[in-house]
């Protein structure tokens, strides 16, 4: 396989005493994904446009934008070992430590992405260095490394054996990103590791870049966020902020407006609206929230919109042993996220016209 100029430059670097050469993932051939505004931000790992201030978006969302939920590094190499070296910042101290500060690694085999290994820092450390992959056969493989859900990355380097090839990843099957906007559930709390968030499962399955704009407790539907989303060229947009609207009145005041701000710029974009999965029919406010979201959907249908979808959150955890789906009665655990993935996937495939 012919080497690119970037790969030749990589090989010209001096290896360390273990025979590894390190490159910053911002340089060269690695594909750093899920950070929609990184090329116009001074801080490349920030998930919102840096021009947004507290006049536009609540302070909590601006702080949580430093977390790297949804970000991913992709590349191809035949290195027999891959070392990850990262500096971690913006640690929220949440309880699910691997999802909070861990990196998990996948490789493609027989057309499928398979979990391989995770790397995480010690609880009090602000940096991590460790083997994230081993490939004794030395065959060329495509690798995906997911960045932390609830920690921020300030620097990330990948170390490969000095004699290894480094190649760009193949294009995604879905040529544009899928963007998710919402709450802590959207951000991935409380998945045990980044790849187990429902958003990550969906994007791995359909093979698409993920843009995760989940902000724990702070996805409040501000119009400035909708306008920022409307700047992007997307394959699909998933609205999932029911949980973070402070009241049903707030949700009613923002939900349709948020949807319309994106729809006006993108008349054909598939938009999926989701209500909260921890649904209890005995709580009137939860029921009313669902109906507010459903009304945005039915009003769009009535206006002739053919690219809008609604998923009733009550269906997301199924009917059997729903109490096993959460960490705390609200946030999904890995089972809860899997069931969300399983029940959202058919609608996403329909929206993307995947047979």
Protein backbone atom coordinates (compact mmCIF):
# COMPACT_ATOMS: atom_id res chain seq x y z
CA UNK A 1 0.00 0.00 0.00
CA UNK A 2 1.42 3.36 -1.02
CA UNK A 3 2.40 5.68 1.83
CA UNK A 4 1.05 9.21 1.97
CA UNK A 5 3.40 12.15 2.47
CA UNK A 6 2.02 12.52 5.99
CA UNK A 7 2.83 8.88 6.74
CA UNK A 8 6.36 9.38 5.44
CA UNK A 9 6.74 12.36 7.78
CA UNK A 10 5.44 10.21 10.62
CA UNK A 11 8.12 7.60 9.93
CA UNK A 12 10.83 10.27 9.92
CA UNK A 13 10.19 11.14 13.57
CA UNK A 14 12.58 9.84 16.20
CA UNK A 15 11.09 6.94 18.22
CA UNK A 16 11.27 6.74 22.00
CA UNK A 17 13.26 4.04 23.79
CA UNK A 18 10.33 1.60 23.43
CA UNK A 19 10.23 2.13 19.66
CA UNK A 20 7.08 4.28 19.55
CA UNK A 21 6.49 7.49 17.63
CA UNK A 22 3.81 9.87 18.94
CA UNK A 23 1.66 12.31 16.99
CA UNK A 24 -0.95 14.77 18.17
CA UNK A 25 -4.33 13.69 16.74
CA UNK A 26 -4.87 17.28 15.58
CA UNK A 27 -2.02 16.82 13.11
CA UNK A 28 -1.95 14.96 9.88
CA UNK A 29 -3.70 11.78 9.03
CA UNK A 30 -5.85 10.98 12.06
CA UNK A 31 -9.56 11.78 11.67
CA UNK A 32 -10.81 13.61 14.78
CA UNK A 33 -14.61 13.63 14.66
CA UNK A 34 -17.59 14.84 16.66
CA UNK A 35 -16.32 18.38 17.27
CA UNK A 36 -18.34 20.37 14.78
CA UNK A 37 -16.74 23.77 15.36
CA UNK A 38 -13.15 22.72 16.11
CA UNK A 39 -11.71 24.41 13.03
CA UNK A 40 -13.09 27.81 14.06
CA UNK A 41 -12.58 27.48 17.85
CA UNK A 42 -9.36 28.27 19.66
CA UNK A 43 -10.05 25.24 21.86
CA UNK A 44 -10.48 22.36 19.38
CA UNK A 45 -12.06 19.94 21.89
CA UNK A 46 -14.91 22.35 22.75
CA UNK A 47 -18.34 21.11 21.62
CA UNK A 48 -20.07 24.45 20.97
CA UNK A 49 -19.08 27.53 18.96
CA UNK A 50 -16.86 29.65 21.22
CA UNK A 51 -18.75 32.78 20.13
CA UNK A 52 -21.71 31.70 22.29
CA UNK A 53 -21.75 33.34 25.72
CA UNK A 54 -23.97 33.34 28.82
CA UNK A 55 -26.17 35.84 26.98
CA UNK A 56 -26.98 33.04 24.52
CA UNK A 57 -26.72 29.76 26.45
CA UNK A 58 -26.87 28.81 30.12
CA UNK A 59 -23.55 28.72 31.97
CA UNK A 60 -23.80 24.99 32.69
CA UNK A 61 -23.96 24.07 29.01
CA UNK A 62 -20.98 26.30 28.26
CA UNK A 63 -18.96 24.51 30.94
CA UNK A 64 -20.12 21.05 29.85
CA UNK A 65 -19.11 21.86 26.29
CA UNK A 66 -15.54 21.21 27.47
CA UNK A 67 -16.46 17.54 27.93
CA UNK A 68 -15.68 15.42 24.87
CA UNK A 69 -18.85 13.31 24.64
CA UNK A 70 -19.24 11.94 21.12
CA UNK A 71 -15.70 12.80 20.00
CA UNK A 72 -13.80 10.01 18.27
CA UNK A 73 -10.43 9.42 16.59
CA UNK A 74 -10.34 7.13 13.55
CA UNK A 75 -7.38 5.78 11.59
CA UNK A 76 -5.88 2.68 9.98
CA UNK A 77 -2.59 1.14 11.07
CA UNK A 78 -0.73 -2.14 11.22
CA UNK A 79 1.10 -1.19 14.40
CA UNK A 80 1.33 -4.20 16.71
CA UNK A 81 0.63 -1.91 19.67
CA UNK A 82 -1.09 1.45 19.99
CA UNK A 83 -0.40 3.76 22.93
CA UNK A 84 -2.77 6.52 24.01
CA UNK A 85 -1.39 9.54 25.84
CA UNK A 86 -3.77 12.29 26.95
CA UNK A 87 -4.10 15.27 29.25
CA UNK A 88 -7.49 15.47 30.97
CA UNK A 89 -9.29 18.59 32.15
CA UNK A 90 -12.78 19.73 33.11
CA UNK A 91 -13.42 16.67 35.27
CA UNK A 92 -16.90 16.85 36.80
CA UNK A 93 -16.25 14.16 39.39
CA UNK A 94 -19.31 12.14 38.44
CA UNK A 95 -19.53 8.63 39.78
CA UNK A 96 -19.30 6.54 36.61
CA UNK A 97 -15.52 6.81 36.33
CA UNK A 98 -14.82 5.04 33.03
CA UNK A 99 -17.49 6.96 31.17
CA UNK A 100 -16.32 10.05 32.97
CA UNK A 101 -12.64 9.96 32.02
CA UNK A 102 -12.08 6.79 30.04
CA UNK A 103 -11.25 6.13 26.40
CA UNK A 104 -12.50 2.98 24.72
CA UNK A 105 -11.16 1.45 21.55
CA UNK A 106 -12.85 -0.49 18.73
CA UNK A 107 -11.49 -2.18 15.62
CA UNK A 108 -13.25 -3.35 12.49
CA UNK A 109 -13.28 -7.05 11.67
CA UNK A 110 -15.49 -8.81 9.13
CA UNK A 111 -17.25 -5.53 8.55
CA UNK A 112 -18.21 -5.05 12.21
CA UNK A 113 -16.76 -2.76 14.87
CA UNK A 114 -15.72 -4.73 17.93
CA UNK A 115 -14.81 -3.46 21.39
CA UNK A 116 -11.14 -4.07 22.12
CA UNK A 117 -9.91 -2.27 25.23
CA UNK A 118 -10.34 0.77 27.46
CA UNK A 119 -7.81 3.14 28.98
CA UNK A 120 -8.48 5.42 31.92
CA UNK A 121 -6.42 7.55 34.31
CA UNK A 122 -6.16 6.95 38.00
CA UNK A 123 -8.84 8.86 39.95
CA UNK A 124 -6.58 11.76 40.96
CA UNK A 125 -4.47 11.99 37.78
CA UNK A 126 -4.84 14.67 35.13
CA UNK A 127 -3.15 12.56 32.47
CA UNK A 128 -3.31 9.04 31.12
CA UNK A 129 -0.89 6.88 29.18
CA UNK A 130 -1.55 3.28 28.32
CA UNK A 131 -1.93 0.61 25.68
CA UNK A 132 -5.29 1.05 24.01
CA UNK A 133 -4.78 -1.66 21.41
CA UNK A 134 -2.67 -4.67 20.54
CA UNK A 135 -2.52 -6.25 17.10
CA UNK A 136 0.05 -9.08 17.20
CA UNK A 137 -0.63 -10.12 13.60
CA UNK A 138 0.44 -6.72 12.28
CA UNK A 139 -2.44 -6.62 9.79
CA UNK A 140 -3.86 -3.28 8.70
CA UNK A 141 -6.91 -2.48 10.81
CA UNK A 142 -9.34 0.39 11.15
CA UNK A 143 -9.47 1.72 14.72
CA UNK A 144 -12.00 3.96 16.51
CA UNK A 145 -11.06 5.54 19.86
CA UNK A 146 -13.91 7.22 21.76
CA UNK A 147 -13.03 10.16 23.99
CA UNK A 148 -14.45 10.60 27.52
CA UNK A 149 -18.11 11.47 28.06
CA UNK A 150 -17.68 13.57 31.19
CA UNK A 151 -14.07 14.68 31.12
CA UNK A 152 -12.42 17.12 28.80
CA UNK A 153 -9.35 16.41 26.71
CA UNK A 154 -6.77 19.17 26.39
CA UNK A 155 -4.20 17.13 24.47
CA UNK A 156 -4.30 13.70 22.85
CA UNK A 157 -1.45 11.81 21.23
CA UNK A 158 -1.35 8.38 19.62
CA UNK A 159 1.84 6.32 19.70
CA UNK A 160 2.54 3.72 17.02
CA UNK A 161 5.53 1.49 16.40
CA UNK A 162 8.07 3.43 14.37
CA UNK A 163 7.94 0.98 11.43
CA UNK A 164 4.13 0.94 11.28
CA UNK A 165 1.98 2.29 8.47
CA UNK A 166 -0.51 5.04 9.28
CA UNK A 167 -3.38 5.60 6.85
CA UNK A 168 -6.58 7.64 6.82
CA UNK A 169 -9.81 5.82 7.72
CA UNK A 170 -12.35 4.95 5.04
CA UNK A 171 -15.27 7.33 4.51
CA UNK A 172 -18.32 6.65 6.65
CA UNK A 173 -21.20 4.87 4.94
CA UNK A 174 -23.36 7.80 6.01
CA UNK A 175 -21.54 10.75 4.52
CA UNK A 176 -22.73 13.41 6.97
CA UNK A 177 -22.84 13.49 10.79
CA UNK A 178 -25.81 12.62 12.98
CA UNK A 179 -26.32 15.26 15.67
CA UNK A 180 -27.95 14.61 19.05
CA UNK A 181 -29.09 17.47 21.30
CA UNK A 182 -30.32 16.93 24.81
CA UNK A 183 -29.73 16.06 28.43
CA UNK A 184 -27.37 13.96 30.56
CA UNK A 185 -28.95 10.89 28.96
CA UNK A 186 -27.85 12.22 25.57
CA UNK A 187 -24.39 13.01 26.94
CA UNK A 188 -24.06 9.40 28.06
CA UNK A 189 -24.76 9.34 31.80
CA UNK A 190 -24.42 6.68 33.15
CA UNK A 191 -22.80 4.45 30.52
CA UNK A 192 -19.91 2.47 31.95
CA UNK A 193 -17.72 3.60 29.04
CA UNK A 194 -18.09 5.99 26.08
CA UNK A 195 -18.97 3.41 23.44
CA UNK A 196 -21.98 2.22 25.44
CA UNK A 197 -23.92 5.49 25.18
CA UNK A 198 -26.96 5.02 22.95
CA UNK A 199 -25.72 7.72 20.58
CA UNK A 200 -22.41 5.87 20.09
CA UNK A 201 -24.14 2.52 19.52
CA UNK A 202 -26.37 4.05 16.85
CA UNK A 203 -23.54 5.77 15.00
CA UNK A 204 -21.34 2.67 15.04
CA UNK A 205 -24.17 0.57 13.62
CA UNK A 206 -25.08 2.88 10.75
CA UNK A 207 -21.43 3.99 10.33
CA UNK A 208 -21.77 7.73 10.76
CA UNK A 209 -19.94 10.51 12.55
CA UNK A 210 -21.58 11.44 15.85
CA UNK A 211 -21.98 15.01 17.09
CA UNK A 212 -23.13 14.84 20.70
CA UNK A 213 -24.59 18.04 22.16
CA UNK A 214 -25.86 16.45 25.35
CA UNK A 215 -25.43 18.74 28.38
CA UNK A 216 -26.24 17.23 31.76
CA UNK A 217 -29.02 19.24 33.36
CA UNK A 218 -28.37 22.06 30.91
CA UNK A 219 -29.95 21.16 27.55
CA UNK A 220 -32.62 23.83 27.87
CA UNK A 221 -33.51 24.46 24.25
CA UNK A 222 -32.00 27.93 23.77
CA UNK A 223 -32.58 29.31 20.30
CA UNK A 224 -28.89 30.16 19.91
CA UNK A 225 -28.06 26.45 20.06
CA UNK A 226 -30.72 25.68 17.45
CA UNK A 227 -29.27 28.37 15.20
CA UNK A 228 -25.77 26.91 15.64
CA UNK A 229 -27.05 23.44 14.76
CA UNK A 230 -28.74 24.93 11.69
CA UNK A 231 -25.29 26.01 10.43
CA UNK A 232 -24.23 22.38 10.00
CA UNK A 233 -24.72 19.95 7.13
CA UNK A 234 -26.17 16.85 8.79
CA UNK A 235 -27.54 13.43 7.87
CA UNK A 236 -30.08 13.53 10.73
CA UNK A 237 -30.87 15.49 13.88
CA UNK A 238 -32.18 13.93 17.10
CA UNK A 239 -33.96 16.24 19.61
CA UNK A 240 -33.86 14.71 23.08
CA UNK A 241 -33.98 17.51 25.66
CA UNK A 242 -37.29 16.74 27.42
CA UNK A 243 -35.51 16.08 30.73
CA UNK A 244 -33.74 19.44 30.94
CA UNK A 245 -36.61 21.79 30.26
CA UNK A 246 -37.22 23.23 33.77
CA UNK A 247 -41.00 22.88 33.38
CA UNK A 248 -43.65 21.81 30.92
CA UNK A 249 -44.26 25.50 30.24
CA UNK A 250 -40.61 26.00 29.33
CA UNK A 251 -40.68 22.97 27.05
CA UNK A 252 -43.80 24.26 25.34
CA UNK A 253 -42.22 27.69 24.84
CA UNK A 254 -39.02 26.31 23.32
CA UNK A 255 -39.61 22.95 21.65
CA UNK A 256 -41.48 23.93 18.50
CA UNK A 257 -39.37 27.07 18.14
CA UNK A 258 -36.16 25.05 18.39
CA UNK A 259 -37.41 22.59 15.77
CA UNK A 260 -38.50 25.35 13.39
CA UNK A 261 -35.15 27.17 13.63
CA UNK A 262 -33.42 24.07 12.26
CA UNK A 263 -36.19 23.12 9.83
CA UNK A 264 -36.25 26.57 8.19
CA UNK A 265 -32.60 26.18 7.19
CA UNK A 266 -32.88 22.50 6.27
CA UNK A 267 -36.29 21.63 4.77
CA UNK A 268 -35.31 18.03 3.95
CA UNK A 269 -33.25 17.12 7.03
CA UNK A 270 -34.61 14.06 8.92
CA UNK A 271 -35.46 15.23 12.45
CA UNK A 272 -36.31 12.73 15.20
CA UNK A 273 -38.03 13.92 18.39
CA UNK A 274 -37.79 11.80 21.53
CA UNK A 275 -39.52 12.08 24.91
CA UNK A 276 -37.92 10.91 28.17
CA UNK A 277 -37.41 7.15 28.71
CA UNK A 278 -38.15 7.19 32.47
CA UNK A 279 -41.86 7.62 31.80
CA UNK A 280 -44.41 7.30 34.61
CA UNK A 281 -48.03 7.67 33.58
CA UNK A 282 -48.97 8.55 37.16
CA UNK A 283 -47.04 11.82 36.92
CA UNK A 284 -49.10 14.40 35.00
CA UNK A 285 -46.12 16.66 34.22
CA UNK A 286 -44.30 13.80 32.45
CA UNK A 287 -47.39 13.01 30.41
CA UNK A 288 -47.87 16.66 29.46
CA UNK A 289 -44.23 16.94 28.37
CA UNK A 290 -44.64 13.99 26.05
CA UNK A 291 -47.73 15.58 24.50
CA UNK A 292 -45.90 18.88 23.96
CA UNK A 293 -43.21 17.04 22.00
CA UNK A 294 -45.82 15.02 20.13
CA UNK A 295 -47.60 18.24 19.17
CA UNK A 296 -44.46 19.68 17.59
CA UNK A 297 -44.35 16.49 15.54
CA UNK A 298 -48.04 16.42 14.56
CA UNK A 299 -48.01 20.14 13.69
CA UNK A 300 -45.04 19.48 11.39
CA UNK A 301 -46.87 16.59 9.75
CA UNK A 302 -49.95 18.76 9.29
CA UNK A 303 -47.83 21.38 7.53
CA UNK A 304 -46.66 18.76 5.02
CA UNK A 305 -43.31 17.87 6.59
CA UNK A 306 -42.31 14.39 5.39
CA UNK A 307 -38.99 14.15 7.24
CA UNK A 308 -40.04 14.33 10.87
CA UNK A 309 -40.32 11.42 13.33
CA UNK A 310 -41.52 10.96 16.90
CA UNK A 311 -40.38 8.28 19.36
CA UNK A 312 -42.40 7.86 22.53
CA UNK A 313 -39.92 7.59 25.40
CA UNK A 314 -42.25 5.19 27.20
CA UNK A 315 -41.27 2.55 24.64
CA UNK A 316 -37.50 2.95 24.94
CA UNK A 317 -36.86 0.62 27.88
CA UNK A 318 -39.46 -1.93 26.84
CA UNK A 319 -41.95 -3.48 29.25
CA UNK A 320 -39.95 -6.24 30.92
CA UNK A 321 -37.79 -5.41 33.97
CA UNK A 322 -37.68 -1.69 33.23
CA UNK A 323 -36.25 -1.10 36.71
CA UNK A 324 -33.06 -2.88 35.61
CA UNK A 325 -32.43 -0.22 32.96
CA UNK A 326 -31.26 2.61 35.19
CA UNK A 327 -28.40 3.60 37.43
CA UNK A 328 -30.58 5.71 39.73
CA UNK A 329 -34.17 5.48 38.47
CA UNK A 330 -33.49 8.11 35.80
CA UNK A 331 -30.15 7.73 34.03
CA UNK A 332 -29.75 4.61 31.89
CA UNK A 333 -27.14 2.01 32.69
CA UNK A 334 -25.69 -0.08 29.87
CA UNK A 335 -28.86 -2.18 29.61
CA UNK A 336 -30.98 0.95 29.44
CA UNK A 337 -28.77 2.44 26.74
CA UNK A 338 -28.86 -0.80 24.76
CA UNK A 339 -32.64 -0.86 24.84
CA UNK A 340 -32.74 2.78 23.76
CA UNK A 341 -30.41 1.95 20.88
CA UNK A 342 -32.50 -1.08 19.94
CA UNK A 343 -35.76 0.88 19.86
CA UNK A 344 -34.42 4.03 18.17
CA UNK A 345 -32.45 2.21 15.45
CA UNK A 346 -35.44 1.27 13.22
CA UNK A 347 -36.61 4.90 13.11
CA UNK A 348 -33.08 6.15 12.43
CA UNK A 349 -32.67 3.65 9.60
CA UNK A 350 -35.98 4.76 8.15
CA UNK A 351 -34.93 8.39 8.39
CA UNK A 352 -31.61 7.65 6.66
CA UNK A 353 -33.26 5.37 4.09
CA UNK A 354 -31.19 2.37 5.19
CA UNK A 355 -32.78 -0.95 4.23
